[in-house]
PDB file of N, CA and C in Angstrom:
ATOM      1  N   MET A   1      11.951   1.265  -4.856  1.00  0.00           N
ATOM      2  CA  MET A   1      10.956   1.258  -5.850  1.00  0.00           C
ATOM      3  C   MET A   1      10.322   2.825  -5.334  1.00  0.00           C
ATOM      4  N   ILE A   2      10.095   2.944  -3.874  1.00  0.00           N
ATOM      5  CA  ILE A   2       9.497   4.040  -3.403  1.00  0.00           C
ATOM      6  C   ILE A   2      10.299   5.237  -4.117  1.00  0.00           C
ATOM      7  N   ARG A   3      11.807   5.092  -3.616  1.00  0.00           N
ATOM      8  CA  ARG A   3      12.693   6.242  -4.148  1.00  0.00           C
ATOM      9  C   ARG A   3      12.364   6.543  -5.545  1.00  0.00           C
ATOM     10  N   PHE A   4      12.349   5.467  -6.408  1.00  0.00           N
ATOM     11  CA  PHE A   4      12.254   5.594  -7.885  1.00  0.00           C
ATOM     12  C   PHE A   4      11.142   6.517  -8.267  1.00  0.00           C
ATOM     13  N   GLY A   5       9.828   6.038  -7.612  1.00  0.00           N
ATOM     14  CA  GLY A   5       8.656   6.638  -8.106  1.00  0.00           C
ATOM     15  C   GLY A   5       8.774   8.119  -7.654  1.00  0.00           C
ATOM     16  N   PHE A   6       9.179   8.339  -6.210  1.00  0.00           N
ATOM     17  CA  PHE A   6       9.204  10.007  -5.956  1.00  0.00           C
ATOM     18  C   PHE A   6      10.314  10.791  -6.698  1.00  0.00           C
ATOM     19  N   GLU A   7      11.393  10.280  -6.816  1.00  0.00           N
ATOM     20  CA  GLU A   7      12.528  10.989  -7.350  1.00  0.00           C
ATOM     21  C   GLU A   7      12.284  11.105  -9.103  1.00  0.00           C
ATOM     22  N   LYS A   8      12.474   9.835  -9.628  1.00  0.00           N
ATOM     23  CA  LYS A   8      12.623   9.785 -11.080  1.00  0.00           C
ATOM     24  C   LYS A   8      11.165  10.168 -11.690  1.00  0.00           C
ATOM     25  N   LEU A   9      10.235   9.330 -10.979  1.00  0.00           N
ATOM     26  CA  LEU A   9       8.757   9.601 -11.954  1.00  0.00           C
ATOM     27  C   LEU A   9       7.839  10.806 -11.268  1.00  0.00           C
ATOM     28  N   ALA A  10       8.548  11.350 -10.375  1.00  0.00           N
ATOM     29  CA  ALA A  10       7.737  12.613  -9.936  1.00  0.00           C
ATOM     30  C   ALA A  10       6.477  12.556  -9.112  1.00  0.00           C
ATOM     31  N   LEU A  11       6.249  11.375  -8.806  1.00  0.00           N
ATOM     32  CA  LEU A  11       4.820  10.978  -8.276  1.00  0.00           C
ATOM     33  C   LEU A  11       4.609  11.541  -6.961  1.00  0.00           C
ATOM     34  N   ASN A  12       3.427  11.782  -6.715  1.00  0.00           N
ATOM     35  CA  ASN A  12       3.032  12.582  -5.285  1.00  0.00           C
ATOM     36  C   ASN A  12       2.633  11.559  -4.457  1.00  0.00           C
ATOM     37  N   LYS A  13       2.258  10.448  -4.839  1.00  0.00           N
ATOM     38  CA  LYS A  13       1.383   9.500  -4.089  1.00  0.00           C
ATOM     39  C   LYS A  13       1.682   8.134  -4.652  1.00  0.00           C
ATOM     40  N   ILE A  14       2.319   7.190  -3.544  1.00  0.00           N
ATOM     41  CA  ILE A  14       2.377   5.920  -4.131  1.00  0.00           C
ATOM     42  C   ILE A  14       1.165   5.041  -3.077  1.00  0.00           C
ATOM     43  N   GLU A  15       0.675   3.932  -3.968  1.00  0.00           N
ATOM     44  CA  GLU A  15      -0.282   2.982  -3.183  1.00  0.00           C
ATOM     45  C   GLU A  15       0.126   1.700  -3.349  1.00  0.00           C
ATOM     46  N   GLY A  16      -0.336   0.771  -2.109  1.00  0.00           N
ATOM     47  CA  GLY A  16      -0.251  -0.500  -2.164  1.00  0.00           C
ATOM     48  C   GLY A  16      -1.305  -1.296  -1.659  1.00  0.00           C
ATOM     49  N   CYS A  17      -1.854  -2.484  -1.954  1.00  0.00           N
ATOM     50  CA  CYS A  17      -2.899  -3.276  -1.420  1.00  0.00           C
ATOM     51  C   CYS A  17      -2.370  -4.329  -0.893  1.00  0.00           C
ATOM     52  N   ALA A  18      -3.070  -5.176   0.090  1.00  0.00           N
ATOM     53  CA  ALA A  18      -2.649  -6.577   0.137  1.00  0.00           C
ATOM     54  C   ALA A  18      -4.097  -7.170   0.759  1.00  0.00           C
ATOM     55  N   LEU A  19      -4.244  -8.369   0.419  1.00  0.00           N
ATOM     56  CA  LEU A  19      -5.381  -9.153   1.163  1.00  0.00           C
ATOM     57  C   LEU A  19      -5.308  -9.285   2.636  1.00  0.00           C
ATOM     58  N   ILE A  20      -6.519  -8.907   3.358  1.00  0.00           N
ATOM     59  CA  ILE A  20      -6.897  -8.847   4.676  1.00  0.00           C
ATOM     60  C   ILE A  20      -5.995 -10.196   5.242  1.00  0.00           C
ATOM     61  N   ARG A  21      -6.315 -11.177   4.647  1.00  0.00           N
ATOM     62  CA  ARG A  21      -5.815 -12.478   5.189  1.00  0.00           C
ATOM     63  C   ARG A  21      -4.395 -12.838   5.002  1.00  0.00           C
ATOM     64  N   ASN A  22      -3.479 -11.813   4.752  1.00  0.00           N
ATOM     65  CA  ASN A  22      -2.254 -12.003   4.350  1.00  0.00           C
ATOM     66  C   ASN A  22      -1.653 -11.173   5.007  1.00  0.00           C
ATOM     67  N   PRO A  23      -1.504 -11.278   6.469  1.00  0.00           N
ATOM     68  CA  PRO A  23      -0.898 -10.200   7.557  1.00  0.00           C
ATOM     69  C   PRO A  23       0.811 -10.153   6.988  1.00  0.00           C
ATOM     70  N   ALA A  24       1.577 -10.982   6.255  1.00  0.00           N
ATOM     71  CA  ALA A  24       2.803 -10.779   5.932  1.00  0.00           C
ATOM     72  C   ALA A  24       2.988  -9.687   4.949  1.00  0.00           C
ATOM     73  N   SER A  25       2.082  -9.529   4.052  1.00  0.00           N
ATOM     74  CA  SER A  25       2.053  -8.483   2.970  1.00  0.00           C
ATOM     75  C   SER A  25       1.684  -7.310   3.719  1.00  0.00           C
ATOM     76  N   ILE A  26       1.038  -7.217   5.060  1.00  0.00           N
ATOM     77  CA  ILE A  26       0.393  -6.021   5.215  1.00  0.00           C
ATOM     78  C   ILE A  26       1.781  -5.555   6.117  1.00  0.00           C
ATOM     79  N   ARG A  27       2.065  -6.293   6.731  1.00  0.00           N
ATOM     80  CA  ARG A  27       3.292  -5.957   7.675  1.00  0.00           C
ATOM     81  C   ARG A  27       4.397  -5.457   6.697  1.00  0.00           C
ATOM     82  N   VAL A  28       4.770  -5.719   5.529  1.00  0.00           N
ATOM     83  CA  VAL A  28       5.705  -5.150   4.566  1.00  0.00           C
ATOM     84  C   VAL A  28       5.319  -3.885   4.188  1.00  0.00           C
ATOM     85  N   LEU A  29       4.159  -3.598   3.729  1.00  0.00           N
ATOM     86  CA  LEU A  29       3.521  -2.213   3.501  1.00  0.00           C
ATOM     87  C   LEU A  29       3.533  -1.303   4.759  1.00  0.00           C
ATOM     88  N   GLU A  30       3.512  -1.486   5.857  1.00  0.00           N
ATOM     89  CA  GLU A  30       3.599  -0.832   7.127  1.00  0.00           C
ATOM     90  C   GLU A  30       4.899  -0.663   7.461  1.00  0.00           C
ATOM     91  N   LYS A  31       5.861  -1.886   7.222  1.00  0.00           N
ATOM     92  CA  LYS A  31       7.255  -1.551   7.175  1.00  0.00           C
ATOM     93  C   LYS A  31       7.867  -0.548   6.661  1.00  0.00           C
ATOM     94  N   ILE A  32       7.212  -0.272   5.310  1.00  0.00           N
ATOM     95  CA  ILE A  32       8.075   0.999   4.374  1.00  0.00           C
ATOM     96  C   ILE A  32       7.287   2.193   4.657  1.00  0.00           C
ATOM     97  N   ARG A  33       6.610   2.191   5.992  1.00  0.00           N
ATOM     98  CA  ARG A  33       5.825   3.260   6.424  1.00  0.00           C
ATOM     99  C   ARG A  33       4.694   3.799   5.558  1.00  0.00           C
ATOM    100  N   MET A  34       4.026   2.959   5.037  1.00  0.00           N
ATOM    101  CA  MET A  34       2.700   3.238   4.291  1.00  0.00           C
ATOM    102  C   MET A  34       1.878   3.424   5.458  1.00  0.00           C
ATOM    103  N   LYS A  35       0.687   4.301   5.180  1.00  0.00           N
ATOM    104  CA  LYS A  35      -0.431   4.350   5.954  1.00  0.00           C
ATOM    105  C   LYS A  35      -1.608   3.957   5.656  1.00  0.00           C
ATOM    106  N   ARG A  36      -2.224   3.073   6.341  1.00  0.00           N
ATOM    107  CA  ARG A  36      -3.657   2.256   6.051  1.00  0.00           C
ATOM    108  C   ARG A  36      -4.551   3.438   5.626  1.00  0.00           C
ATOM    109  N   GLU A  37      -5.007   3.446   4.389  1.00  0.00           N
ATOM    110  CA  GLU A  37      -6.288   4.565   4.098  1.00  0.00           C
ATOM    111  C   GLU A  37      -7.504   3.509   3.879  1.00  0.00           C
ATOM    112  N   GLY A  38      -7.796   2.469   3.962  1.00  0.00           N
ATOM    113  CA  GLY A  38      -9.292   2.113   4.224  1.00  0.00           C
ATOM    114  C   GLY A  38      -9.137   0.339   3.492  1.00  0.00           C
ATOM    115  N   ILE A  39     -10.185   0.023   3.534  1.00  0.00           N
ATOM    116  CA  ILE A  39     -10.523  -1.545   3.249  1.00  0.00           C
ATOM    117  C   ILE A  39     -11.671  -1.392   1.845  1.00  0.00           C
ATOM    118  N   LEU A  40     -11.344  -2.134   0.927  1.00  0.00           N
ATOM    119  CA  LEU A  40     -12.086  -2.231  -0.371  1.00  0.00           C
ATOM    120  C   LEU A  40     -12.679  -3.780   0.285  1.00  0.00           C
ATOM    121  N   ARG A  41     -14.113  -3.724   0.441  1.00  0.00           N
ATOM    122  CA  ARG A  41     -14.784  -5.170   0.916  1.00  0.00           C
ATOM    123  C   ARG A  41     -15.027  -5.976  -0.419  1.00  0.00           C
ATOM    124  N   GLN A  42     -14.468  -6.863  -0.342  1.00  0.00           N
ATOM    125  CA  GLN A  42     -14.922  -8.169  -1.246  1.00  0.00           C
ATOM    126  C   GLN A  42     -14.593  -7.758  -2.649  1.00  0.00           C
ATOM    127  N   HIS A  43     -13.228  -7.205  -2.762  1.00  0.00           N
ATOM    128  CA  HIS A  43     -12.867  -6.348  -3.921  1.00  0.00           C
ATOM    129  C   HIS A  43     -11.928  -7.445  -4.705  1.00  0.00           C
ATOM    130  N   ALA A  44     -11.445  -8.439  -4.367  1.00  0.00           N
ATOM    131  CA  ALA A  44     -10.566  -9.405  -5.141  1.00  0.00           C
ATOM    132  C   ALA A  44     -11.134 -10.902  -5.134  1.00  0.00           C
ATOM    133  N   CYS A  45     -11.190 -11.398  -5.989  1.00  0.00           N
ATOM    134  CA  CYS A  45     -11.661 -12.884  -6.129  1.00  0.00           C
ATOM    135  C   CYS A  45     -10.164 -13.964  -6.385  1.00  0.00           C
ATOM    136  N   ARG A  46     -10.098 -14.730  -5.131  1.00  0.00           N
ATOM    137  CA  ARG A  46      -8.910 -15.590  -5.330  1.00  0.00           C
ATOM    138  C   ARG A  46      -9.504 -16.831  -5.080  1.00  0.00           C
ATOM    139  N   TRP A  47      -9.084 -17.878  -5.991  1.00  0.00           N
ATOM    140  CA  TRP A  47      -9.721 -19.318  -5.693  1.00  0.00           C
ATOM    141  C   TRP A  47     -11.168 -19.495  -5.527  1.00  0.00           C
ATOM    142  N   GLY A  48     -11.901 -18.523  -6.259  1.00  0.00           N
ATOM    143  CA  GLY A  48     -13.409 -18.854  -5.803  1.00  0.00           C
ATOM    144  C   GLY A  48     -14.069 -17.928  -4.431  1.00  0.00           C
ATOM    145  N   ARG A  49     -12.983 -17.472  -3.995  1.00  0.00           N
ATOM    146  CA  ARG A  49     -13.460 -16.705  -2.866  1.00  0.00           C
ATOM    147  C   ARG A  49     -13.444 -15.109  -2.825  1.00  0.00           C
ATOM    148  N   PHE A  50     -14.146 -14.390  -2.280  1.00  0.00           N
ATOM    149  CA  PHE A  50     -14.243 -13.018  -2.514  1.00  0.00           C
ATOM    150  C   PHE A  50     -13.474 -12.467  -1.302  1.00  0.00           C
ATOM    151  N   ASP A  51     -12.239 -11.520  -1.450  1.00  0.00           N
ATOM    152  CA  ASP A  51     -11.505 -11.130  -0.227  1.00  0.00           C
ATOM    153  C   ASP A  51     -11.632  -9.613  -0.155  1.00  0.00           C
ATOM    154  N   ASP A  52     -11.585  -9.324   1.046  1.00  0.00           N
ATOM    155  CA  ASP A  52     -11.241  -7.716   1.320  1.00  0.00           C
ATOM    156  C   ASP A  52      -9.522  -7.392   1.163  1.00  0.00           C
ATOM    157  N   LEU A  53      -9.511  -6.114   0.603  1.00  0.00           N
ATOM    158  CA  LEU A  53      -8.321  -5.703   0.136  1.00  0.00           C
ATOM    159  C   LEU A  53      -7.772  -4.528   1.568  1.00  0.00           C
ATOM    160  N   ALA A  54      -6.596  -4.309   1.890  1.00  0.00           N
ATOM    161  CA  ALA A  54      -6.357  -3.393   2.953  1.00  0.00           C
ATOM    162  C   ALA A  54      -5.451  -2.580   2.007  1.00  0.00           C
ATOM    163  N   CYS A  55      -5.927  -1.158   2.069  1.00  0.00           N
ATOM    164  CA  CYS A  55      -5.058  -0.277   0.983  1.00  0.00           C
ATOM    165  C   CYS A  55      -4.394   0.709   1.610  1.00  0.00           C
ATOM    166  N   PHE A  56      -2.988   0.841   1.364  1.00  0.00           N
ATOM    167  CA  PHE A  56      -2.106   1.662   1.910  1.00  0.00           C
ATOM    168  C   PHE A  56      -1.388   2.861   0.926  1.00  0.00           C
ATOM    169  N   GLY A  57      -1.120   3.780   1.544  1.00  0.00           N
ATOM    170  CA  GLY A  57      -0.775   4.825   0.650  1.00  0.00           C
ATOM    171  C   GLY A  57       0.375   5.616   1.232  1.00  0.00           C
ATOM    172  N   ILE A  58       1.614   6.101   0.454  1.00  0.00           N
ATOM    173  CA  ILE A  58       2.503   7.105   1.181  1.00  0.00           C
ATOM    174  C   ILE A  58       2.456   8.371   0.417  1.00  0.00           C
ATOM    175  N   LEU A  59       2.573   9.752   0.939  1.00  0.00           N
ATOM    176  CA  LEU A  59       2.872  10.589   0.033  1.00  0.00           C
ATOM    177  C   LEU A  59       4.169  10.941  -0.099  1.00  0.00           C
ATOM    178  N   ARG A  60       4.444  11.950  -1.099  1.00  0.00           N
ATOM    179  CA  ARG A  60       5.911  12.389  -1.388  1.00  0.00           C
ATOM    180  C   ARG A  60       6.323  13.249   0.036  1.00  0.00           C
ATOM    181  N   SER A  61       5.472  14.113   0.287  1.00  0.00           N
ATOM    182  CA  SER A  61       5.845  15.039   1.829  1.00  0.00           C
ATOM    183  C   SER A  61       6.007  13.963   3.100  1.00  0.00           C
ATOM    184  N   GLU A  62       5.253  12.998   3.259  1.00  0.00           N
ATOM    185  CA  GLU A  62       5.450  12.015   4.233  1.00  0.00           C
ATOM    186  C   GLU A  62       7.004  11.445   3.968  1.00  0.00           C
ATOM    187  N   TRP A  63       7.151  10.768   2.962  1.00  0.00           N
ATOM    188  CA  TRP A  63       8.645  10.112   2.738  1.00  0.00           C
ATOM    189  C   TRP A  63       9.705  11.179   2.720  1.00  0.00           C
ATOM    190  N   GLN A  64       9.636  12.269   2.134  1.00  0.00           N
ATOM    191  CA  GLN A  64      10.716  13.248   2.273  1.00  0.00           C
ATOM    192  C   GLN A  64      11.095  13.454   3.741  1.00  0.00           C
ATOM    193  N   SER A  65      10.035  13.822   4.641  1.00  0.00           N
ATOM    194  CA  SER A  65      10.194  13.978   6.059  1.00  0.00           C
ATOM    195  C   SER A  65      10.673  12.611   6.845  1.00  0.00           C
ATOM    196  N   GLN A  66      10.462  11.477   6.343  1.00  0.00           N
ATOM    197  CA  GLN A  66      11.299  10.338   6.674  1.00  0.00           C
ATOM    198  C   GLN A  66      12.354   9.976   6.617  1.00  0.00           C
ATOM    199  N   ARG A  67      13.164  10.632   5.774  1.00  0.00           N
ATOM    200  CA  ARG A  67      14.337  10.670   5.056  1.00  0.00           C
ATOM    201  C   ARG A  67      15.575  11.200   5.941  1.00  0.00           C
TER     202      ARG A  67
END
């Protein structure tokens, strides 16, 4: 998906977010070498509870240098 975004859609940056209380999803974003960019506090409401989101991103230049 990342390759498609950079090569076919010519994107400069791809972003992803995961609930702070979901470490498995955060690990997936880290594993594909996205960098943590910040926290959106109480940004998502799930099951009647407001949760923080961890936001990640990867730039085209970072992705190219990793290949």
